[in-house]
């Protein structure tokens, strides 16, 4: 259940209320019976770990994040060079 914050328009006191999504918003201040206004607050949601934009896609344009494919291509080229050198040495 989310916690909602309210502020009284009359006495400016702030309260927090644990409510279901289906509950009606609070309307009256418990201190002075003034009108309550729902506040918008910052969430505590924080993304961590790999797989997000900053770690995977924020690099320079044109550079791919598929480093394993690049490594495979490089190792294939190195293998071909080694084979050519071995063929020349046997001649």
C-alpha atoms as a PDB file:
ATOM      1  CA  UNK A   1       0.000   0.000   0.000  1.00  0.00           C
ATOM      2  CA  UNK A   2       1.349   3.425  -0.876  1.00  0.00           C
ATOM      3  CA  UNK A   3       1.887   6.227   1.592  1.00  0.00           C
ATOM      4  CA  UNK A   4       0.296   9.530   0.583  1.00  0.00           C
ATOM      5  CA  UNK A   5       1.236  12.943   1.946  1.00  0.00           C
ATOM      6  CA  UNK A   6      -1.315  15.673   2.590  1.00  0.00           C
ATOM      7  CA  UNK A   7      -0.988  19.314   3.640  1.00  0.00           C
ATOM      8  CA  UNK A   8      -3.665  21.412   5.293  1.00  0.00           C
ATOM      9  CA  UNK A   9      -4.449  24.632   3.439  1.00  0.00           C
ATOM     10  CA  UNK A  10      -5.414  26.323   6.696  1.00  0.00           C
ATOM     11  CA  UNK A  11      -2.785  25.380   9.330  1.00  0.00           C
ATOM     12  CA  UNK A  12      -0.134  24.034   6.874  1.00  0.00           C
ATOM     13  CA  UNK A  13       0.439  20.867   8.909  1.00  0.00           C
ATOM     14  CA  UNK A  14       1.550  17.846   6.914  1.00  0.00           C
ATOM     15  CA  UNK A  15       0.373  14.288   7.493  1.00  0.00           C
ATOM     16  CA  UNK A  16       1.091  10.912   5.922  1.00  0.00           C
ATOM     17  CA  UNK A  17      -1.613   8.317   5.301  1.00  0.00           C
ATOM     18  CA  UNK A  18      -1.212   4.653   4.362  1.00  0.00           C
ATOM     19  CA  UNK A  19      -4.037   4.048   1.873  1.00  0.00           C
ATOM     20  CA  UNK A  20      -5.134   1.559  -0.762  1.00  0.00           C
ATOM     21  CA  UNK A  21      -5.385   2.729  -4.359  1.00  0.00           C
ATOM     22  CA  UNK A  22      -9.155   2.380  -4.117  1.00  0.00           C
ATOM     23  CA  UNK A  23      -9.491   4.532  -0.951  1.00  0.00           C
ATOM     24  CA  UNK A  24     -10.882   8.043  -1.301  1.00  0.00           C
ATOM     25  CA  UNK A  25      -8.393  10.872  -0.651  1.00  0.00           C
ATOM     26  CA  UNK A  26      -8.522  12.465   2.784  1.00  0.00           C
ATOM     27  CA  UNK A  27     -10.449  15.743   2.836  1.00  0.00           C
ATOM     28  CA  UNK A  28     -10.352  17.160   6.399  1.00  0.00           C
ATOM     29  CA  UNK A  29      -7.396  18.076   8.600  1.00  0.00           C
ATOM     30  CA  UNK A  30      -7.480  16.234  11.924  1.00  0.00           C
ATOM     31  CA  UNK A  31      -5.944  19.265  13.722  1.00  0.00           C
ATOM     32  CA  UNK A  32      -8.068  22.202  12.556  1.00  0.00           C
ATOM     33  CA  UNK A  33     -10.710  20.656  10.244  1.00  0.00           C
ATOM     34  CA  UNK A  34      -9.247  22.583   7.285  1.00  0.00           C
ATOM     35  CA  UNK A  35      -9.126  21.297   3.710  1.00  0.00           C
ATOM     36  CA  UNK A  36      -6.349  18.809   2.873  1.00  0.00           C
ATOM     37  CA  UNK A  37      -4.411  18.939  -0.363  1.00  0.00           C
ATOM     38  CA  UNK A  38      -2.543  15.866  -1.652  1.00  0.00           C
ATOM     39  CA  UNK A  39       1.193  16.479  -2.137  1.00  0.00           C
ATOM     40  CA  UNK A  40       3.405  15.041  -4.829  1.00  0.00           C
ATOM     41  CA  UNK A  41       6.594  13.610  -3.374  1.00  0.00           C
ATOM     42  CA  UNK A  42       9.727  11.980  -4.755  1.00  0.00           C
ATOM     43  CA  UNK A  43       9.677   8.237  -5.035  1.00  0.00           C
ATOM     44  CA  UNK A  44      12.302   5.985  -3.499  1.00  0.00           C
ATOM     45  CA  UNK A  45      12.621   3.983  -6.726  1.00  0.00           C
ATOM     46  CA  UNK A  46      16.226   3.551  -7.855  1.00  0.00           C
ATOM     47  CA  UNK A  47      17.503   1.390 -10.716  1.00  0.00           C
ATOM     48  CA  UNK A  48      20.760  -0.471 -10.155  1.00  0.00           C
ATOM     49  CA  UNK A  49      22.707  -3.083 -12.043  1.00  0.00           C
ATOM     50  CA  UNK A  50      23.604  -3.676 -15.657  1.00  0.00           C
ATOM     51  CA  UNK A  51      21.203  -3.617 -18.550  1.00  0.00           C
ATOM     52  CA  UNK A  52      20.093  -0.020 -18.275  1.00  0.00           C
ATOM     53  CA  UNK A  53      20.580   2.884 -20.652  1.00  0.00           C
ATOM     54  CA  UNK A  54      23.631   4.353 -18.911  1.00  0.00           C
ATOM     55  CA  UNK A  55      25.637   1.131 -19.027  1.00  0.00           C
ATOM     56  CA  UNK A  56      24.587  -0.237 -22.398  1.00  0.00           C
ATOM     57  CA  UNK A  57      23.418   2.482 -24.759  1.00  0.00           C
ATOM     58  CA  UNK A  58      24.969   5.749 -23.631  1.00  0.00           C
ATOM     59  CA  UNK A  59      28.252   5.154 -25.479  1.00  0.00           C
ATOM     60  CA  UNK A  60      29.416   6.887 -28.606  1.00  0.00           C
ATOM     61  CA  UNK A  61      27.173   6.508 -31.661  1.00  0.00           C
ATOM     62  CA  UNK A  62      28.287   3.798 -34.032  1.00  0.00           C
ATOM     63  CA  UNK A  63      29.902   1.681 -31.340  1.00  0.00           C
ATOM     64  CA  UNK A  64      28.057  -1.522 -30.670  1.00  0.00           C
ATOM     65  CA  UNK A  65      27.629  -3.030 -27.232  1.00  0.00           C
ATOM     66  CA  UNK A  66      28.097  -6.483 -28.779  1.00  0.00           C
ATOM     67  CA  UNK A  67      31.692  -6.892 -27.680  1.00  0.00           C
ATOM     68  CA  UNK A  68      31.443 -10.699 -27.755  1.00  0.00           C
ATOM     69  CA  UNK A  69      30.739 -10.598 -31.505  1.00  0.00           C
ATOM     70  CA  UNK A  70      33.757  -8.352 -32.058  1.00  0.00           C
ATOM     71  CA  UNK A  71      35.960 -10.698 -30.013  1.00  0.00           C
ATOM     72  CA  UNK A  72      34.775 -13.684 -32.068  1.00  0.00           C
ATOM     73  CA  UNK A  73      35.592 -11.909 -35.334  1.00  0.00           C
ATOM     74  CA  UNK A  74      39.032 -10.910 -34.053  1.00  0.00           C
ATOM     75  CA  UNK A  75      39.850 -14.456 -32.943  1.00  0.00           C
ATOM     76  CA  UNK A  76      38.790 -15.821 -36.363  1.00  0.00           C
ATOM     77  CA  UNK A  77      41.149 -13.365 -38.111  1.00  0.00           C
ATOM     78  CA  UNK A  78      44.012 -14.306 -35.778  1.00  0.00           C
ATOM     79  CA  UNK A  79      43.398 -18.014 -36.436  1.00  0.00           C
ATOM     80  CA  UNK A  80      43.554 -17.448 -40.203  1.00  0.00           C
ATOM     81  CA  UNK A  81      46.830 -15.507 -39.856  1.00  0.00           C
ATOM     82  CA  UNK A  82      48.333 -18.303 -37.757  1.00  0.00           C
ATOM     83  CA  UNK A  83      47.257 -20.907 -40.330  1.00  0.00           C
ATOM     84  CA  UNK A  84      48.828 -18.889 -43.174  1.00  0.00           C
ATOM     85  CA  UNK A  85      52.118 -18.625 -41.250  1.00  0.00           C
ATOM     86  CA  UNK A  86      52.083 -22.391 -40.590  1.00  0.00           C
ATOM     87  CA  UNK A  87      51.467 -23.098 -44.294  1.00  0.00           C
ATOM     88  CA  UNK A  88      54.392 -20.834 -45.321  1.00  0.00           C
ATOM     89  CA  UNK A  89      56.701 -22.470 -42.784  1.00  0.00           C
ATOM     90  CA  UNK A  90      55.918 -25.981 -44.076  1.00  0.00           C
ATOM     91  CA  UNK A  91      56.763 -25.042 -47.699  1.00  0.00           C
END
